[in-house]
Amino acid sequence: AVELGQVYSMPILVASSSSDAPGTLICKEESMEVRNKVSGIAQDTNVAKIMVVGVADHPGTAKDIFEPLARANISVDTIVQNAGTDSVTDVTFTVARTDVLKALSIVEPVAREIGAHRITSDKTLGKVSIVGTGMQNAPGYAARMFRALADANINIQLITTSEIRITCIIDEVHVKEAVRALHKAFEVEFRQSE
């Protein structure tokens, strides 16, 4: 019966004869693998980046940087630690732009204590994200996002991914343009907020 349903594109209801449970409807439908997993595009223009350059690449360095920020109730978003060379690495992270001065006042003395070469910051950033389910295990979504931003001549500074989101940190001046490009690339309905 299932094969006949498939051949003739007829739905089949599999239900119990001994209960009133609704059962399962088997019908031809686009497979989950080929559906667009991107359900929305998100943006945030309240982003600042702090980079601690030239820190010792050994256990405890990240703890030394991030514990004082946590005690000060500063939320850290994207964190990137480069692959170290000669036992030295860079640690880059983002915070809300409204927290960057407080974060710098905390991180600067820590950076001196751990022997960092310098600290840099950038308060002119934003982030754009594609949001949906199952993207982490679906090939091509990150590449399509990066292509859309490249075609719009938008440089990506940092990238982070999760099961439901791929986020790119970019210059704030390009956030609106990036959102439009991503809506087009992923065929997600575009609603501009007032």
N, C-alpha and C. Protein backbone atom coordinates (compact mmCIF):
# COMPACT_ATOMS: atom_id res chain seq x y z
N ALA A 1 0.83 -1.19 0.00
CA ALA A 1 0.00 0.00 0.00
C ALA A 1 0.87 1.26 0.00
N VAL A 2 1.97 1.23 0.77
CA VAL A 2 2.85 2.40 0.84
C VAL A 2 3.48 2.66 -0.53
N GLU A 3 3.89 1.58 -1.21
CA GLU A 3 4.50 1.75 -2.53
C GLU A 3 3.49 2.32 -3.53
N LEU A 4 2.24 1.86 -3.48
CA LEU A 4 1.21 2.40 -4.36
C LEU A 4 0.95 3.87 -4.06
N GLY A 5 0.94 4.20 -2.79
CA GLY A 5 0.78 5.61 -2.41
C GLY A 5 1.89 6.47 -2.97
N GLN A 6 3.11 5.94 -2.94
CA GLN A 6 4.25 6.68 -3.47
C GLN A 6 4.14 6.82 -4.98
N VAL A 7 3.81 5.72 -5.67
CA VAL A 7 3.72 5.74 -7.13
C VAL A 7 2.66 6.73 -7.60
N TYR A 8 1.50 6.76 -6.93
CA TYR A 8 0.39 7.60 -7.37
C TYR A 8 0.25 8.90 -6.55
N SER A 9 1.26 9.21 -5.73
CA SER A 9 1.26 10.42 -4.90
C SER A 9 -0.02 10.54 -4.07
N MET A 10 -0.44 9.43 -3.48
CA MET A 10 -1.65 9.42 -2.65
C MET A 10 -1.26 9.36 -1.18
N PRO A 11 -1.87 10.18 -0.34
CA PRO A 11 -1.58 10.11 1.10
C PRO A 11 -2.15 8.83 1.71
N ILE A 12 -1.46 8.30 2.71
CA ILE A 12 -1.89 7.09 3.40
C ILE A 12 -1.94 7.40 4.89
N LEU A 13 -3.07 7.09 5.51
CA LEU A 13 -3.21 7.27 6.95
C LEU A 13 -2.99 5.93 7.64
N VAL A 14 -1.98 5.89 8.52
CA VAL A 14 -1.70 4.70 9.30
C VAL A 14 -2.26 4.96 10.69
N ALA A 15 -3.34 4.24 11.04
CA ALA A 15 -4.01 4.47 12.31
C ALA A 15 -4.33 3.14 12.99
N SER A 16 -4.57 3.21 14.26
CA SER A 16 -4.90 2.02 15.04
C SER A 16 -6.39 1.73 14.93
N SER A 17 -6.71 0.46 14.83
CA SER A 17 -8.13 0.07 14.80
C SER A 17 -8.71 -0.07 16.21
N SER A 18 -7.83 -0.04 17.22
CA SER A 18 -8.30 -0.25 18.58
C SER A 18 -8.25 1.00 19.46
N SER A 19 -7.87 2.16 18.87
CA SER A 19 -7.87 3.40 19.67
C SER A 19 -8.28 4.57 18.79
N ASP A 20 -8.57 5.68 19.44
CA ASP A 20 -8.96 6.88 18.70
C ASP A 20 -7.77 7.80 18.43
N ALA A 21 -6.55 7.31 18.62
CA ALA A 21 -5.35 8.12 18.37
C ALA A 21 -5.35 8.55 16.90
N PRO A 22 -4.82 9.75 16.62
CA PRO A 22 -4.90 10.27 15.26
C PRO A 22 -4.09 9.48 14.23
N GLY A 23 -3.07 8.77 14.61
CA GLY A 23 -2.26 8.00 13.66
C GLY A 23 -1.23 8.87 12.96
N THR A 24 -0.69 8.32 11.86
CA THR A 24 0.36 9.01 11.12
C THR A 24 -0.05 9.13 9.67
N LEU A 25 0.07 10.31 9.11
CA LEU A 25 -0.23 10.54 7.70
C LEU A 25 1.07 10.46 6.91
N ILE A 26 1.11 9.56 5.94
CA ILE A 26 2.28 9.44 5.07
C ILE A 26 1.89 10.07 3.74
N CYS A 27 2.64 11.09 3.35
CA CYS A 27 2.32 11.76 2.09
C CYS A 27 3.59 12.31 1.47
N LYS A 28 3.48 12.62 0.20
CA LYS A 28 4.63 13.17 -0.50
C LYS A 28 4.82 14.61 -0.03
N GLU A 29 6.00 14.89 0.42
CA GLU A 29 6.32 16.24 0.88
C GLU A 29 7.81 16.44 0.67
N GLU A 30 8.18 17.67 0.47
CA GLU A 30 9.59 17.97 0.30
C GLU A 30 10.34 17.46 1.53
N SER A 31 11.45 16.77 1.31
CA SER A 31 12.19 16.22 2.44
C SER A 31 12.79 17.33 3.29
N MET A 32 12.98 17.02 4.56
CA MET A 32 13.53 18.02 5.47
C MET A 32 14.93 18.45 5.05
N GLU A 33 15.67 17.56 4.38
CA GLU A 33 17.04 17.88 3.99
C GLU A 33 17.10 18.97 2.93
N VAL A 34 16.05 19.07 2.08
CA VAL A 34 16.11 20.06 1.01
C VAL A 34 15.33 21.32 1.34
N ARG A 35 14.59 21.32 2.42
CA ARG A 35 13.88 22.54 2.82
C ARG A 35 14.88 23.59 3.27
N ASN A 36 14.51 24.84 3.10
CA ASN A 36 15.34 25.93 3.58
C ASN A 36 15.31 25.91 5.10
N LYS A 37 16.42 25.65 5.72
CA LYS A 37 16.49 25.60 7.17
C LYS A 37 16.55 27.00 7.79
N VAL A 38 16.82 28.01 6.98
CA VAL A 38 16.92 29.38 7.50
C VAL A 38 15.51 29.95 7.62
N SER A 39 15.13 30.28 8.85
CA SER A 39 13.80 30.82 9.08
C SER A 39 13.82 32.31 9.36
N GLY A 40 15.00 32.88 9.58
CA GLY A 40 15.07 34.31 9.85
C GLY A 40 16.48 34.85 9.78
N ILE A 41 16.56 36.16 9.69
CA ILE A 41 17.82 36.88 9.68
C ILE A 41 17.79 37.84 10.87
N ALA A 42 18.85 37.83 11.68
CA ALA A 42 18.91 38.70 12.86
C ALA A 42 20.07 39.68 12.73
N GLN A 43 19.94 40.80 13.40
CA GLN A 43 21.00 41.81 13.39
C GLN A 43 21.15 42.43 14.77
N ASP A 44 22.34 42.95 15.03
CA ASP A 44 22.62 43.64 16.29
C ASP A 44 23.70 44.66 16.00
N THR A 45 23.46 45.90 16.34
CA THR A 45 24.46 46.95 16.11
C THR A 45 25.10 47.42 17.41
N ASN A 46 24.83 46.74 18.50
CA ASN A 46 25.42 47.09 19.80
C ASN A 46 26.58 46.14 20.10
N VAL A 47 27.61 46.17 19.24
CA VAL A 47 28.70 45.20 19.33
C VAL A 47 30.04 45.91 19.37
N ALA A 48 30.91 45.47 20.26
CA ALA A 48 32.29 45.95 20.31
C ALA A 48 33.21 44.74 20.44
N LYS A 49 34.39 44.87 19.88
CA LYS A 49 35.37 43.78 19.91
C LYS A 49 36.57 44.20 20.73
N ILE A 50 37.06 43.29 21.56
CA ILE A 50 38.29 43.50 22.33
C ILE A 50 39.25 42.38 21.96
N MET A 51 40.49 42.75 21.69
CA MET A 51 41.50 41.76 21.32
C MET A 51 42.69 41.88 22.26
N VAL A 52 43.00 40.80 22.95
CA VAL A 52 44.16 40.73 23.83
C VAL A 52 45.24 40.03 23.03
N VAL A 53 46.27 40.78 22.64
CA VAL A 53 47.28 40.31 21.70
C VAL A 53 48.52 39.83 22.43
N GLY A 54 49.02 38.67 22.02
CA GLY A 54 50.29 38.17 22.53
C GLY A 54 50.26 37.70 23.97
N VAL A 55 49.32 36.81 24.29
CA VAL A 55 49.26 36.26 25.65
C VAL A 55 49.86 34.85 25.64
N ALA A 56 50.32 34.43 26.79
CA ALA A 56 50.90 33.09 26.92
C ALA A 56 49.84 32.04 26.60
N ASP A 57 50.22 31.08 25.78
CA ASP A 57 49.31 30.01 25.38
C ASP A 57 49.48 28.83 26.32
N HIS A 58 48.84 28.93 27.49
CA HIS A 58 48.91 27.84 28.46
C HIS A 58 47.60 27.79 29.25
N PRO A 59 47.35 26.69 29.96
CA PRO A 59 46.10 26.56 30.71
C PRO A 59 45.92 27.71 31.70
N GLY A 60 44.72 28.26 31.74
CA GLY A 60 44.40 29.31 32.69
C GLY A 60 44.34 30.70 32.10
N THR A 61 44.90 30.91 30.92
CA THR A 61 44.90 32.25 30.33
C THR A 61 43.48 32.74 30.08
N ALA A 62 42.64 31.91 29.47
CA ALA A 62 41.26 32.31 29.21
C ALA A 62 40.52 32.59 30.52
N LYS A 63 40.74 31.76 31.52
CA LYS A 63 40.12 31.97 32.84
C LYS A 63 40.52 33.33 33.40
N ASP A 64 41.81 33.66 33.29
CA ASP A 64 42.30 34.94 33.82
C ASP A 64 41.61 36.13 33.16
N ILE A 65 41.29 36.00 31.89
CA ILE A 65 40.65 37.10 31.15
C ILE A 65 39.16 37.17 31.45
N PHE A 66 38.47 36.02 31.44
CA PHE A 66 37.01 36.03 31.46
C PHE A 66 36.37 35.97 32.84
N GLU A 67 37.05 35.45 33.85
CA GLU A 67 36.46 35.43 35.20
C GLU A 67 36.17 36.83 35.73
N PRO A 68 37.10 37.80 35.61
CA PRO A 68 36.79 39.14 36.11
C PRO A 68 35.63 39.80 35.35
N LEU A 69 35.49 39.51 34.07
CA LEU A 69 34.36 40.05 33.31
C LEU A 69 33.05 39.46 33.82
N ALA A 70 33.04 38.17 34.11
CA ALA A 70 31.83 37.52 34.64
C ALA A 70 31.46 38.10 36.00
N ARG A 71 32.47 38.32 36.86
CA ARG A 71 32.19 38.91 38.18
C ARG A 71 31.59 40.30 38.06
N ALA A 72 31.92 41.01 36.98
CA ALA A 72 31.39 42.36 36.75
C ALA A 72 30.08 42.33 35.96
N ASN A 73 29.52 41.14 35.76
CA ASN A 73 28.26 40.97 35.02
C ASN A 73 28.33 41.47 33.59
N ILE A 74 29.46 41.30 32.96
CA ILE A 74 29.61 41.67 31.55
C ILE A 74 29.47 40.40 30.72
N SER A 75 28.46 40.39 29.87
CA SER A 75 28.24 39.23 29.00
C SER A 75 29.20 39.28 27.83
N VAL A 76 29.85 38.16 27.59
CA VAL A 76 30.77 38.01 26.47
C VAL A 76 30.06 37.14 25.44
N ASP A 77 30.12 37.56 24.19
CA ASP A 77 29.43 36.82 23.14
C ASP A 77 30.42 35.95 22.39
N THR A 78 30.88 36.39 21.27
CA THR A 78 31.79 35.61 20.43
C THR A 78 33.18 35.59 21.07
N ILE A 79 33.80 34.42 21.14
CA ILE A 79 35.17 34.30 21.65
C ILE A 79 35.98 33.51 20.63
N VAL A 80 37.14 34.06 20.26
CA VAL A 80 38.05 33.37 19.34
C VAL A 80 39.44 33.39 19.96
N GLN A 81 40.06 32.23 20.06
CA GLN A 81 41.46 32.15 20.46
C GLN A 81 42.21 31.55 19.29
N ASN A 82 43.15 32.31 18.75
CA ASN A 82 43.91 31.84 17.59
C ASN A 82 44.81 30.67 17.98
N ALA A 83 45.16 29.89 16.99
CA ALA A 83 46.15 28.83 17.20
C ALA A 83 47.47 29.52 17.50
N GLY A 84 48.04 29.23 18.64
CA GLY A 84 49.26 29.91 19.07
C GLY A 84 50.49 29.47 18.30
N THR A 85 51.45 30.38 18.22
CA THR A 85 52.77 30.06 17.69
C THR A 85 53.79 30.50 18.73
N ASP A 86 54.82 29.72 18.92
CA ASP A 86 55.85 30.03 19.91
C ASP A 86 55.25 30.26 21.30
N SER A 87 54.22 29.47 21.64
CA SER A 87 53.55 29.54 22.95
C SER A 87 52.89 30.89 23.22
N VAL A 88 52.53 31.61 22.16
CA VAL A 88 51.84 32.90 22.29
C VAL A 88 50.59 32.86 21.42
N THR A 89 49.51 33.44 21.91
CA THR A 89 48.25 33.46 21.16
C THR A 89 47.55 34.80 21.34
N ASP A 90 46.49 35.01 20.59
CA ASP A 90 45.64 36.19 20.73
C ASP A 90 44.25 35.71 21.14
N VAL A 91 43.59 36.47 22.01
CA VAL A 91 42.23 36.16 22.42
C VAL A 91 41.35 37.34 22.04
N THR A 92 40.35 37.08 21.21
CA THR A 92 39.44 38.11 20.74
C THR A 92 38.04 37.76 21.20
N PHE A 93 37.28 38.77 21.64
CA PHE A 93 35.90 38.52 22.07
C PHE A 93 35.07 39.77 21.86
N THR A 94 33.75 39.57 21.84
CA THR A 94 32.85 40.70 21.68
C THR A 94 32.01 40.87 22.94
N VAL A 95 31.66 42.12 23.19
CA VAL A 95 30.76 42.50 24.27
C VAL A 95 29.79 43.53 23.70
N ALA A 96 28.77 43.84 24.45
CA ALA A 96 27.88 44.92 24.04
C ALA A 96 28.67 46.22 24.03
N ARG A 97 28.42 47.04 23.03
CA ARG A 97 29.12 48.33 22.94
C ARG A 97 28.93 49.14 24.21
N THR A 98 27.77 49.01 24.83
CA THR A 98 27.49 49.75 26.06
C THR A 98 28.36 49.27 27.23
N ASP A 99 28.98 48.09 27.10
CA ASP A 99 29.84 47.55 28.16
C ASP A 99 31.33 47.66 27.86
N VAL A 100 31.70 48.16 26.69
CA VAL A 100 33.10 48.05 26.27
C VAL A 100 34.05 48.84 27.17
N LEU A 101 33.69 50.03 27.61
CA LEU A 101 34.60 50.81 28.45
C LEU A 101 34.82 50.13 29.80
N LYS A 102 33.75 49.61 30.38
CA LYS A 102 33.87 48.87 31.63
C LYS A 102 34.72 47.60 31.42
N ALA A 103 34.48 46.91 30.32
CA ALA A 103 35.24 45.69 30.02
C ALA A 103 36.72 46.01 29.85
N LEU A 104 37.03 47.08 29.14
CA LEU A 104 38.44 47.46 28.95
C LEU A 104 39.10 47.80 30.28
N SER A 105 38.36 48.49 31.16
CA SER A 105 38.95 48.85 32.46
C SER A 105 39.25 47.61 33.30
N ILE A 106 38.55 46.53 33.05
CA ILE A 106 38.80 45.27 33.76
C ILE A 106 39.91 44.47 33.09
N VAL A 107 39.88 44.40 31.77
CA VAL A 107 40.82 43.54 31.04
C VAL A 107 42.23 44.14 30.98
N GLU A 108 42.35 45.47 30.93
CA GLU A 108 43.69 46.07 30.81
C GLU A 108 44.63 45.67 31.94
N PRO A 109 44.24 45.76 33.23
CA PRO A 109 45.15 45.31 34.28
C PRO A 109 45.43 43.81 34.22
N VAL A 110 44.43 43.02 33.84
CA VAL A 110 44.63 41.58 33.71
C VAL A 110 45.65 41.30 32.61
N ALA A 111 45.53 42.01 31.49
CA ALA A 111 46.45 41.81 30.37
C ALA A 111 47.88 42.12 30.79
N ARG A 112 48.06 43.17 31.59
CA ARG A 112 49.42 43.48 32.09
C ARG A 112 49.93 42.34 32.96
N GLU A 113 49.07 41.84 33.85
CA GLU A 113 49.47 40.75 34.77
C GLU A 113 49.87 39.49 34.02
N ILE A 114 49.18 39.17 32.93
CA ILE A 114 49.48 37.93 32.22
C ILE A 114 50.49 38.14 31.10
N GLY A 115 51.03 39.35 30.99
CA GLY A 115 52.10 39.62 30.03
C GLY A 115 51.67 39.79 28.59
N ALA A 116 50.43 40.22 28.35
CA ALA A 116 49.98 40.46 26.98
C ALA A 116 50.78 41.59 26.35
N HIS A 117 50.98 41.51 25.06
CA HIS A 117 51.72 42.56 24.36
C HIS A 117 50.93 43.86 24.26
N ARG A 118 49.62 43.73 23.96
CA ARG A 118 48.78 44.93 23.86
C ARG A 118 47.30 44.52 23.82
N ILE A 119 46.43 45.52 23.94
CA ILE A 119 44.98 45.33 23.80
C ILE A 119 44.49 46.29 22.74
N THR A 120 43.62 45.81 21.86
CA THR A 120 42.96 46.69 20.90
C THR A 120 41.45 46.54 21.07
N SER A 121 40.73 47.54 20.63
CA SER A 121 39.27 47.45 20.68
C SER A 121 38.68 48.16 19.46
N ASP A 122 37.49 47.76 19.11
CA ASP A 122 36.77 48.36 17.99
C ASP A 122 35.31 48.48 18.41
N LYS A 123 34.82 49.71 18.42
CA LYS A 123 33.45 49.98 18.87
C LYS A 123 32.50 50.22 17.70
N THR A 124 32.93 49.92 16.48
CA THR A 124 32.12 50.24 15.29
C THR A 124 31.64 48.98 14.58
N LEU A 125 31.24 47.98 15.35
CA LEU A 125 30.87 46.70 14.75
C LEU A 125 29.39 46.39 14.92
N GLY A 126 28.95 45.43 14.16
CA GLY A 126 27.61 44.88 14.26
C GLY A 126 27.69 43.41 13.96
N LYS A 127 26.57 42.73 14.10
CA LYS A 127 26.57 41.32 13.73
C LYS A 127 25.28 40.99 13.00
N VAL A 128 25.42 40.05 12.07
CA VAL A 128 24.27 39.53 11.34
C VAL A 128 24.28 38.02 11.50
N SER A 129 23.09 37.45 11.59
CA SER A 129 22.98 36.01 11.80
C SER A 129 21.90 35.44 10.89
N ILE A 130 22.15 34.22 10.42
CA ILE A 130 21.06 33.44 9.84
C ILE A 130 20.62 32.48 10.94
N VAL A 131 19.31 32.33 11.08
CA VAL A 131 18.75 31.57 12.19
C VAL A 131 17.83 30.49 11.63
N GLY A 132 17.95 29.29 12.16
CA GLY A 132 17.09 28.19 11.74
C GLY A 132 17.47 26.93 12.50
N THR A 133 16.85 25.83 12.16
CA THR A 133 17.13 24.59 12.87
C THR A 133 18.02 23.69 12.05
N GLY A 134 18.94 23.01 12.72
CA GLY A 134 19.75 21.99 12.09
C GLY A 134 20.81 22.47 11.12
N MET A 135 21.17 23.73 11.15
CA MET A 135 22.15 24.25 10.18
C MET A 135 23.56 23.73 10.43
N GLN A 136 23.88 23.44 11.67
CA GLN A 136 25.24 23.02 11.99
C GLN A 136 25.62 21.73 11.26
N ASN A 137 24.67 20.87 11.03
CA ASN A 137 24.95 19.60 10.36
C ASN A 137 24.49 19.59 8.90
N ALA A 138 24.13 20.75 8.37
CA ALA A 138 23.67 20.84 6.99
C ALA A 138 24.72 21.58 6.17
N PRO A 139 25.35 20.91 5.22
CA PRO A 139 26.40 21.57 4.44
C PRO A 139 25.85 22.69 3.56
N GLY A 140 26.64 23.72 3.40
CA GLY A 140 26.33 24.77 2.44
C GLY A 140 25.75 26.05 3.00
N TYR A 141 25.19 26.04 4.19
CA TYR A 141 24.57 27.25 4.71
C TYR A 141 25.61 28.32 5.03
N ALA A 142 26.69 27.94 5.68
CA ALA A 142 27.74 28.91 5.98
C ALA A 142 28.34 29.45 4.68
N ALA A 143 28.62 28.56 3.73
CA ALA A 143 29.20 28.99 2.45
C ALA A 143 28.28 29.96 1.73
N ARG A 144 26.97 29.69 1.73
CA ARG A 144 26.03 30.60 1.07
C ARG A 144 25.99 31.95 1.77
N MET A 145 26.06 31.94 3.10
CA MET A 145 26.09 33.20 3.85
C MET A 145 27.34 34.00 3.50
N PHE A 146 28.49 33.32 3.51
CA PHE A 146 29.75 34.01 3.22
C PHE A 146 29.76 34.54 1.79
N ARG A 147 29.18 33.79 0.84
CA ARG A 147 29.09 34.23 -0.56
C ARG A 147 28.23 35.48 -0.66
N ALA A 148 27.09 35.50 0.02
CA ALA A 148 26.19 36.66 -0.03
C ALA A 148 26.89 37.91 0.50
N LEU A 149 27.64 37.76 1.59
CA LEU A 149 28.36 38.91 2.15
C LEU A 149 29.50 39.32 1.23
N ALA A 150 30.21 38.37 0.67
CA ALA A 150 31.31 38.69 -0.25
C ALA A 150 30.79 39.40 -1.49
N ASP A 151 29.67 38.91 -2.04
CA ASP A 151 29.09 39.55 -3.22
C ASP A 151 28.65 40.99 -2.93
N ALA A 152 28.31 41.27 -1.67
CA ALA A 152 27.95 42.63 -1.26
C ALA A 152 29.18 43.43 -0.83
N ASN A 153 30.37 42.84 -1.00
CA ASN A 153 31.65 43.48 -0.65
C ASN A 153 31.72 43.81 0.84
N ILE A 154 31.24 42.89 1.67
CA ILE A 154 31.24 43.07 3.12
C ILE A 154 32.25 42.11 3.73
N ASN A 155 33.21 42.65 4.45
CA ASN A 155 34.25 41.84 5.09
C ASN A 155 33.75 41.26 6.41
N ILE A 156 34.09 40.01 6.65
CA ILE A 156 33.74 39.33 7.90
C ILE A 156 34.94 39.37 8.83
N GLN A 157 34.73 39.85 10.06
CA GLN A 157 35.82 39.91 11.04
C GLN A 157 35.87 38.69 11.94
N LEU A 158 34.72 38.21 12.37
CA LEU A 158 34.65 37.02 13.24
C LEU A 158 33.43 36.20 12.83
N ILE A 159 33.50 34.91 13.07
CA ILE A 159 32.39 34.00 12.74
C ILE A 159 32.16 33.10 13.95
N THR A 160 30.89 32.86 14.26
CA THR A 160 30.55 31.89 15.28
C THR A 160 29.34 31.09 14.80
N THR A 161 29.28 29.83 15.21
CA THR A 161 28.16 28.98 14.81
C THR A 161 27.59 28.25 16.02
N SER A 162 26.34 27.86 15.89
CA SER A 162 25.69 26.99 16.86
C SER A 162 24.71 26.12 16.09
N GLU A 163 23.98 25.29 16.79
CA GLU A 163 23.00 24.42 16.14
C GLU A 163 21.94 25.22 15.40
N ILE A 164 21.60 26.41 15.89
CA ILE A 164 20.50 27.18 15.28
C ILE A 164 20.92 28.50 14.66
N ARG A 165 22.22 28.81 14.65
CA ARG A 165 22.61 30.15 14.20
C ARG A 165 24.02 30.14 13.64
N ILE A 166 24.22 30.94 12.58
CA ILE A 166 25.55 31.27 12.09
C ILE A 166 25.64 32.79 12.12
N THR A 167 26.63 33.31 12.82
CA THR A 167 26.76 34.75 13.04
C THR A 167 28.08 35.25 12.50
N CYS A 168 28.03 36.41 11.84
CA CYS A 168 29.23 37.09 11.36
C CYS A 168 29.31 38.47 11.98
N ILE A 169 30.48 38.79 12.51
CA ILE A 169 30.75 40.13 13.03
C ILE A 169 31.32 40.93 11.86
N ILE A 170 30.70 42.09 11.60
CA ILE A 170 31.09 42.93 10.46
C ILE A 170 31.11 44.39 10.91
N ASP A 171 31.57 45.28 10.03
CA ASP A 171 31.50 46.71 10.33
C ASP A 171 30.04 47.13 10.43
N GLU A 172 29.73 47.94 11.43
CA GLU A 172 28.35 48.36 11.66
C GLU A 172 27.73 49.04 10.45
N VAL A 173 28.51 49.80 9.71
CA VAL A 173 27.97 50.54 8.57
C VAL A 173 27.40 49.62 7.49
N HIS A 174 27.75 48.34 7.52
CA HIS A 174 27.28 47.40 6.51
C HIS A 174 26.14 46.49 6.99
N VAL A 175 25.67 46.67 8.21
CA VAL A 175 24.68 45.74 8.77
C VAL A 175 23.39 45.72 7.94
N LYS A 176 22.82 46.88 7.62
CA LYS A 176 21.56 46.90 6.86
C LYS A 176 21.73 46.26 5.49
N GLU A 177 22.82 46.57 4.82
CA GLU A 177 23.10 45.99 3.51
C GLU A 177 23.27 44.47 3.63
N ALA A 178 23.94 44.02 4.68
CA ALA A 178 24.14 42.59 4.90
C ALA A 178 22.81 41.88 5.13
N VAL A 179 21.94 42.49 5.89
CA VAL A 179 20.63 41.90 6.16
C VAL A 179 19.85 41.73 4.85
N ARG A 180 19.87 42.76 4.00
CA ARG A 180 19.19 42.66 2.70
C ARG A 180 19.78 41.53 1.86
N ALA A 181 21.12 41.46 1.82
CA ALA A 181 21.79 40.42 1.02
C ALA A 181 21.44 39.02 1.52
N LEU A 182 21.37 38.85 2.84
CA LEU A 182 21.06 37.54 3.40
C LEU A 182 19.60 37.16 3.17
N HIS A 183 18.69 38.14 3.27
CA HIS A 183 17.29 37.86 2.96
C HIS A 183 17.15 37.37 1.53
N LYS A 184 17.86 38.00 0.63
CA LYS A 184 17.81 37.60 -0.78
C LYS A 184 18.43 36.22 -0.98
N ALA A 185 19.60 35.99 -0.39
CA ALA A 185 20.30 34.72 -0.59
C ALA A 185 19.53 33.52 -0.04
N PHE A 186 18.82 33.72 1.06
CA PHE A 186 18.11 32.61 1.69
C PHE A 186 16.61 32.65 1.45
N GLU A 187 16.16 33.60 0.61
CA GLU A 187 14.75 33.72 0.24
C GLU A 187 13.85 33.77 1.47
N VAL A 188 14.28 34.57 2.42
CA VAL A 188 13.50 34.78 3.64
C VAL A 188 12.78 36.11 3.48
N GLU A 189 11.49 36.13 3.82
CA GLU A 189 10.70 37.34 3.67
C GLU A 189 11.36 38.49 4.43
N PHE A 190 11.47 39.63 3.77
CA PHE A 190 12.14 40.80 4.36
C PHE A 190 11.10 41.78 4.86
N ARG A 191 11.16 42.07 6.16
CA ARG A 191 10.30 43.10 6.75
C ARG A 191 11.20 44.11 7.42
N GLN A 192 11.23 45.31 6.88
CA GLN A 192 12.09 46.34 7.46
C GLN A 192 11.37 46.98 8.64
N SER A 193 12.07 47.04 9.77
CA SER A 193 11.47 47.65 10.95
C SER A 193 11.59 49.16 10.85
N GLU A 194 10.66 49.82 11.46
CA GLU A 194 10.63 51.29 11.43
C GLU A 194 11.62 51.86 12.40
